């Protein structure tokens, strides 16, 4: 029979403590908040390692970059490796790559209601602010058209007057020349 009541009570207490500890650990592991926190920390770590690699850090963060690429897929891993090789030690290139990736991701995500509203307000404001400029440009264009029309009319009138004057001069010269030829011709 072997065990006394005290030993059984002690064993039960130890088992309860052990079970309580296991339940606490399981609760911690499956808690959505803790899962999100662990993933956030892992992503921060990978991004920090990637940043260090791109900015020229001496320690080997290629493994973190490689594991991040593998989690996304083999194709992405190849692209990440290529980007890593080409941007290593060049923060400007890394910034441009990050900007491009952000723009790509942003264009793939649908606009939220707030973004759509903000965009609409911006367009409305641009229309309101731009309308006086458009009206002013139309007015200036109309004034210029009117001035050009007046100058064109004046120039046409001058050409017409010059042509009439020249025609009169040619007619007078022809008459004078005809009379002169007539005077010099014998017997006419």
C-alpha atoms as a PDB file:
ATOM      1  CA  UNK A   1       0.000   0.000   0.000  1.00  0.00           C
ATOM      2  CA  UNK A   2       2.860   2.179   0.615  1.00  0.00           C
ATOM      3  CA  UNK A   3       1.742   5.803   0.529  1.00  0.00           C
ATOM      4  CA  UNK A   4       0.371   7.739   3.392  1.00  0.00           C
ATOM      5  CA  UNK A   5      -2.272  10.409   3.176  1.00  0.00           C
ATOM      6  CA  UNK A   6       0.339  13.144   3.542  1.00  0.00           C
ATOM      7  CA  UNK A   7       2.384  11.798   0.651  1.00  0.00           C
ATOM      8  CA  UNK A   8      -0.707  11.534  -1.522  1.00  0.00           C
ATOM      9  CA  UNK A   9      -1.699  15.109  -0.620  1.00  0.00           C
ATOM     10  CA  UNK A  10       1.829  16.344  -1.459  1.00  0.00           C
ATOM     11  CA  UNK A  11       1.777  14.501  -4.804  1.00  0.00           C
ATOM     12  CA  UNK A  12      -1.629  15.967  -5.610  1.00  0.00           C
ATOM     13  CA  UNK A  13      -0.373  19.497  -4.789  1.00  0.00           C
ATOM     14  CA  UNK A  14       2.729  19.020  -6.982  1.00  0.00           C
ATOM     15  CA  UNK A  15       0.600  17.701  -9.813  1.00  0.00           C
ATOM     16  CA  UNK A  16      -1.775  20.678  -9.425  1.00  0.00           C
ATOM     17  CA  UNK A  17       1.156  23.136  -9.557  1.00  0.00           C
ATOM     18  CA  UNK A  18       2.606  21.370 -12.569  1.00  0.00           C
ATOM     19  CA  UNK A  19      -0.759  21.344 -14.358  1.00  0.00           C
ATOM     20  CA  UNK A  20      -1.355  24.975 -13.428  1.00  0.00           C
ATOM     21  CA  UNK A  21       2.039  25.912 -14.884  1.00  0.00           C
ATOM     22  CA  UNK A  22       1.331  23.912 -18.062  1.00  0.00           C
ATOM     23  CA  UNK A  23      -2.092  25.531 -18.458  1.00  0.00           C
ATOM     24  CA  UNK A  24      -0.546  28.996 -17.989  1.00  0.00           C
ATOM     25  CA  UNK A  25       2.100  28.251 -20.627  1.00  0.00           C
ATOM     26  CA  UNK A  26      -0.516  26.918 -23.054  1.00  0.00           C
ATOM     27  CA  UNK A  27      -2.726  29.947 -22.453  1.00  0.00           C
ATOM     28  CA  UNK A  28       0.241  32.196 -23.134  1.00  0.00           C
ATOM     29  CA  UNK A  29       1.089  30.300 -26.340  1.00  0.00           C
ATOM     30  CA  UNK A  30      -2.429  30.339 -27.787  1.00  0.00           C
ATOM     31  CA  UNK A  31      -3.407  33.847 -26.686  1.00  0.00           C
ATOM     32  CA  UNK A  32      -4.067  35.934 -29.827  1.00  0.00           C
ATOM     33  CA  UNK A  33      -2.396  38.955 -28.270  1.00  0.00           C
ATOM     34  CA  UNK A  34       0.767  36.958 -27.468  1.00  0.00           C
ATOM     35  CA  UNK A  35       0.794  35.342 -30.915  1.00  0.00           C
ATOM     36  CA  UNK A  36       0.552  38.770 -32.546  1.00  0.00           C
ATOM     37  CA  UNK A  37       3.257  40.123 -30.255  1.00  0.00           C
ATOM     38  CA  UNK A  38       5.611  37.217 -31.062  1.00  0.00           C
ATOM     39  CA  UNK A  39       5.036  37.652 -34.789  1.00  0.00           C
ATOM     40  CA  UNK A  40       5.561  41.393 -34.520  1.00  0.00           C
ATOM     41  CA  UNK A  41       8.840  40.859 -32.688  1.00  0.00           C
ATOM     42  CA  UNK A  42       9.955  38.281 -35.258  1.00  0.00           C
ATOM     43  CA  UNK A  43       9.134  40.664 -38.113  1.00  0.00           C
ATOM     44  CA  UNK A  44      10.965  43.507 -36.358  1.00  0.00           C
ATOM     45  CA  UNK A  45      13.959  41.268 -35.932  1.00  0.00           C
ATOM     46  CA  UNK A  46      13.955  40.266 -39.603  1.00  0.00           C
ATOM     47  CA  UNK A  47      13.523  43.867 -40.757  1.00  0.00           C
ATOM     48  CA  UNK A  48      16.273  45.022 -38.412  1.00  0.00           C
ATOM     49  CA  UNK A  49      18.561  42.371 -39.792  1.00  0.00           C
ATOM     50  CA  UNK A  50      17.652  43.323 -43.346  1.00  0.00           C
ATOM     51  CA  UNK A  51      18.269  46.992 -42.561  1.00  0.00           C
ATOM     52  CA  UNK A  52      21.655  46.183 -41.061  1.00  0.00           C
ATOM     53  CA  UNK A  53      22.592  44.128 -44.114  1.00  0.00           C
ATOM     54  CA  UNK A  54      21.503  46.802 -46.576  1.00  0.00           C
ATOM     55  CA  UNK A  55      23.117  49.608 -44.646  1.00  0.00           C
ATOM     56  CA  UNK A  56      26.395  47.733 -44.570  1.00  0.00           C
ATOM     57  CA  UNK A  57      26.438  46.187 -41.108  1.00  0.00           C
ATOM     58  CA  UNK A  58      29.273  43.746 -40.522  1.00  0.00           C
ATOM     59  CA  UNK A  59      27.331  40.978 -38.780  1.00  0.00           C
ATOM     60  CA  UNK A  60      25.650  38.304 -40.864  1.00  0.00           C
ATOM     61  CA  UNK A  61      22.029  39.068 -41.288  1.00  0.00           C
ATOM     62  CA  UNK A  62      21.817  37.189 -44.552  1.00  0.00           C
ATOM     63  CA  UNK A  63      20.382  34.201 -42.719  1.00  0.00           C
ATOM     64  CA  UNK A  64      17.500  36.260 -41.350  1.00  0.00           C
ATOM     65  CA  UNK A  65      16.873  37.704 -44.784  1.00  0.00           C
ATOM     66  CA  UNK A  66      16.998  34.260 -46.322  1.00  0.00           C
ATOM     67  CA  UNK A  67      14.557  32.828 -43.771  1.00  0.00           C
ATOM     68  CA  UNK A  68      12.206  35.755 -44.358  1.00  0.00           C
ATOM     69  CA  UNK A  69      12.374  35.099 -48.081  1.00  0.00           C
ATOM     70  CA  UNK A  70      11.667  31.380 -47.593  1.00  0.00           C
ATOM     71  CA  UNK A  71       8.578  32.138 -45.545  1.00  0.00           C
ATOM     72  CA  UNK A  72       7.206  34.200 -48.430  1.00  0.00           C
ATOM     73  CA  UNK A  73       8.165  31.653 -51.075  1.00  0.00           C
ATOM     74  CA  UNK A  74      11.012  30.590 -53.319  1.00  0.00           C
ATOM     75  CA  UNK A  75      10.289  33.258 -55.922  1.00  0.00           C
ATOM     76  CA  UNK A  76      10.238  36.002 -53.343  1.00  0.00           C
ATOM     77  CA  UNK A  77      13.423  34.591 -51.841  1.00  0.00           C
ATOM     78  CA  UNK A  78      15.186  34.943 -55.166  1.00  0.00           C
ATOM     79  CA  UNK A  79      13.949  38.497 -55.539  1.00  0.00           C
ATOM     80  CA  UNK A  80      14.987  39.407 -51.990  1.00  0.00           C
ATOM     81  CA  UNK A  81      18.432  37.918 -52.559  1.00  0.00           C
ATOM     82  CA  UNK A  82      18.826  39.915 -55.751  1.00  0.00           C
ATOM     83  CA  UNK A  83      17.708  43.102 -54.020  1.00  0.00           C
ATOM     84  CA  UNK A  84      20.071  42.354 -51.134  1.00  0.00           C
ATOM     85  CA  UNK A  85      23.033  41.885 -53.467  1.00  0.00           C
ATOM     86  CA  UNK A  86      22.327  45.028 -55.432  1.00  0.00           C
ATOM     87  CA  UNK A  87      21.568  47.319 -52.516  1.00  0.00           C
ATOM     88  CA  UNK A  88      24.130  46.103 -49.995  1.00  0.00           C
ATOM     89  CA  UNK A  89      25.912  49.091 -48.530  1.00  0.00           C
ATOM     90  CA  UNK A  90      23.799  51.569 -50.519  1.00  0.00           C
ATOM     91  CA  UNK A  91      21.122  53.171 -48.331  1.00  0.00           C
ATOM     92  CA  UNK A  92      19.731  55.283 -51.184  1.00  0.00           C
ATOM     93  CA  UNK A  93      19.038  52.202 -53.293  1.00  0.00           C
ATOM     94  CA  UNK A  94      17.508  50.488 -50.286  1.00  0.00           C
ATOM     95  CA  UNK A  95      15.241  53.465 -49.715  1.00  0.00           C
ATOM     96  CA  UNK A  96      14.130  53.477 -53.340  1.00  0.00           C
ATOM     97  CA  UNK A  97      13.397  49.743 -53.195  1.00  0.00           C
ATOM     98  CA  UNK A  98      11.405  50.217 -49.995  1.00  0.00           C
ATOM     99  CA  UNK A  99       9.502  53.134 -51.544  1.00  0.00           C
ATOM    100  CA  UNK A 100       8.667  51.067 -54.616  1.00  0.00           C
ATOM    101  CA  UNK A 101       7.551  48.117 -52.523  1.00  0.00           C
ATOM    102  CA  UNK A 102       5.381  50.388 -50.405  1.00  0.00           C
ATOM    103  CA  UNK A 103       3.802  51.964 -53.471  1.00  0.00           C
ATOM    104  CA  UNK A 104       3.142  48.526 -54.941  1.00  0.00           C
ATOM    105  CA  UNK A 105       1.525  47.270 -51.759  1.00  0.00           C
ATOM    106  CA  UNK A 106      -0.456  50.477 -51.393  1.00  0.00           C
ATOM    107  CA  UNK A 107      -1.802  50.228 -54.924  1.00  0.00           C
ATOM    108  CA  UNK A 108      -2.888  46.637 -54.333  1.00  0.00           C
ATOM    109  CA  UNK A 109      -4.906  47.481 -51.246  1.00  0.00           C
ATOM    110  CA  UNK A 110      -8.374  48.957 -51.748  1.00  0.00           C
ATOM    111  CA  UNK A 111      -8.878  52.511 -50.611  1.00  0.00           C
ATOM    112  CA  UNK A 112     -10.585  52.906 -47.275  1.00  0.00           C
ATOM    113  CA  UNK A 113     -13.655  55.074 -46.858  1.00  0.00           C
ATOM    114  CA  UNK A 114     -11.542  57.733 -45.128  1.00  0.00           C
ATOM    115  CA  UNK A 115      -8.995  57.729 -47.963  1.00  0.00           C
ATOM    116  CA  UNK A 116     -11.728  57.982 -50.577  1.00  0.00           C
ATOM    117  CA  UNK A 117     -13.325  60.860 -48.687  1.00  0.00           C
ATOM    118  CA  UNK A 118      -9.961  62.597 -48.330  1.00  0.00           C
ATOM    119  CA  UNK A 119      -9.254  62.139 -52.024  1.00  0.00           C
ATOM    120  CA  UNK A 120     -12.670  63.549 -52.955  1.00  0.00           C
ATOM    121  CA  UNK A 121     -12.169  66.557 -50.666  1.00  0.00           C
ATOM    122  CA  UNK A 122      -8.751  67.169 -52.202  1.00  0.00           C
ATOM    123  CA  UNK A 123     -10.238  67.105 -55.704  1.00  0.00           C
ATOM    124  CA  UNK A 124     -13.070  69.432 -54.646  1.00  0.00           C
ATOM    125  CA  UNK A 125     -10.578  71.836 -53.067  1.00  0.00           C
ATOM    126  CA  UNK A 126      -8.404  71.727 -56.193  1.00  0.00           C
ATOM    127  CA  UNK A 127     -11.430  72.537 -58.327  1.00  0.00           C
ATOM    128  CA  UNK A 128     -12.417  75.419 -56.051  1.00  0.00           C
ATOM    129  CA  UNK A 129      -8.882  76.796 -55.914  1.00  0.00           C
ATOM    130  CA  UNK A 130      -8.289  76.246 -59.625  1.00  0.00           C
ATOM    131  CA  UNK A 131     -11.545  77.746 -60.914  1.00  0.00           C
ATOM    132  CA  UNK A 132     -10.394  81.390 -60.514  1.00  0.00           C
ATOM    133  CA  UNK A 133      -7.209  80.527 -62.389  1.00  0.00           C
ATOM    134  CA  UNK A 134      -9.193  78.880 -65.169  1.00  0.00           C
ATOM    135  CA  UNK A 135     -11.506  81.897 -65.396  1.00  0.00           C
ATOM    136  CA  UNK A 136      -8.532  84.256 -65.461  1.00  0.00           C
ATOM    137  CA  UNK A 137      -6.822  82.201 -68.181  1.00  0.00           C
ATOM    138  CA  UNK A 138     -10.022  82.261 -70.267  1.00  0.00           C
ATOM    139  CA  UNK A 139     -10.255  86.033 -69.852  1.00  0.00           C
ATOM    140  CA  UNK A 140      -6.629  86.555 -70.856  1.00  0.00           C
ATOM    141  CA  UNK A 141      -7.108  84.248 -73.835  1.00  0.00           C
ATOM    142  CA  UNK A 142     -10.195  86.172 -74.970  1.00  0.00           C
ATOM    143  CA  UNK A 143      -8.378  89.503 -74.591  1.00  0.00           C
ATOM    144  CA  UNK A 144      -5.427  88.207 -76.588  1.00  0.00           C
ATOM    145  CA  UNK A 145      -7.787  86.889 -79.273  1.00  0.00           C
ATOM    146  CA  UNK A 146      -9.541  90.248 -79.498  1.00  0.00           C
ATOM    147  CA  UNK A 147      -6.220  92.110 -79.741  1.00  0.00           C
ATOM    148  CA  UNK A 148      -4.945  89.711 -82.408  1.00  0.00           C
ATOM    149  CA  UNK A 149      -8.175  90.151 -84.358  1.00  0.00           C
ATOM    150  CA  UNK A 150      -7.812  93.939 -84.227  1.00  0.00           C
ATOM    151  CA  UNK A 151      -4.167  93.764 -85.327  1.00  0.00           C
ATOM    152  CA  UNK A 152      -5.046  91.350 -88.122  1.00  0.00           C
ATOM    153  CA  UNK A 153      -7.851  93.661 -89.318  1.00  0.00           C
ATOM    154  CA  UNK A 154      -5.508  96.669 -89.224  1.00  0.00           C
ATOM    155  CA  UNK A 155      -2.816  94.765 -91.110  1.00  0.00           C
ATOM    156  CA  UNK A 156      -5.340  93.604 -93.728  1.00  0.00           C
ATOM    157  CA  UNK A 157      -6.579  97.173 -94.192  1.00  0.00           C
ATOM    158  CA  UNK A 158      -3.005  98.418 -94.603  1.00  0.00           C
ATOM    159  CA  UNK A 159      -2.267  95.719 -97.190  1.00  0.00           C
ATOM    160  CA  UNK A 160      -5.477  96.621 -99.055  1.00  0.00           C
ATOM    161  CA  UNK A 161      -4.636 100.337 -99.001  1.00  0.00           C
ATOM    162  CA  UNK A 162      -1.089  99.662-100.173  1.00  0.00           C
ATOM    163  CA  UNK A 163      -2.376  97.414-102.954  1.00  0.00           C
ATOM    164  CA  UNK A 164      -4.875 100.073-104.103  1.00  0.00           C
ATOM    165  CA  UNK A 165      -2.183 102.742-104.009  1.00  0.00           C
ATOM    166  CA  UNK A 166       0.206 100.529-105.946  1.00  0.00           C
ATOM    167  CA  UNK A 167      -2.513  99.737-108.512  1.00  0.00           C
ATOM    168  CA  UNK A 168      -3.164 103.460-108.905  1.00  0.00           C
ATOM    169  CA  UNK A 169       0.549 104.121-109.328  1.00  0.00           C
ATOM    170  CA  UNK A 170       0.875 101.377-111.954  1.00  0.00           C
ATOM    171  CA  UNK A 171      -2.182 102.723-113.815  1.00  0.00           C
ATOM    172  CA  UNK A 172      -0.807 106.257-113.772  1.00  0.00           C
ATOM    173  CA  UNK A 173       2.627 105.063-114.920  1.00  0.00           C
ATOM    174  CA  UNK A 174       1.031 103.077-117.711  1.00  0.00           C
ATOM    175  CA  UNK A 175      -0.947 106.127-118.887  1.00  0.00           C
ATOM    176  CA  UNK A 176       2.122 108.335-118.680  1.00  0.00           C
ATOM    177  CA  UNK A 177       4.221 105.810-120.536  1.00  0.00           C
ATOM    178  CA  UNK A 178       1.497 105.350-123.163  1.00  0.00           C
ATOM    179  CA  UNK A 179       1.263 109.091-123.737  1.00  0.00           C
ATOM    180  CA  UNK A 180       5.006 109.378-123.918  1.00  0.00           C
ATOM    181  CA  UNK A 181       5.238 106.555-126.453  1.00  0.00           C
ATOM    182  CA  UNK A 182       2.419 108.162-128.472  1.00  0.00           C
ATOM    183  CA  UNK A 183       4.248 111.493-128.512  1.00  0.00           C
ATOM    184  CA  UNK A 184       7.438 109.923-129.740  1.00  0.00           C
ATOM    185  CA  UNK A 185       5.870 107.839-132.433  1.00  0.00           C
ATOM    186  CA  UNK A 186       5.802 109.735-135.839  1.00  0.00           C
ATOM    187  CA  UNK A 187       2.606 109.885-137.739  1.00  0.00           C
ATOM    188  CA  UNK A 188       0.186 108.647-135.247  1.00  0.00           C
END
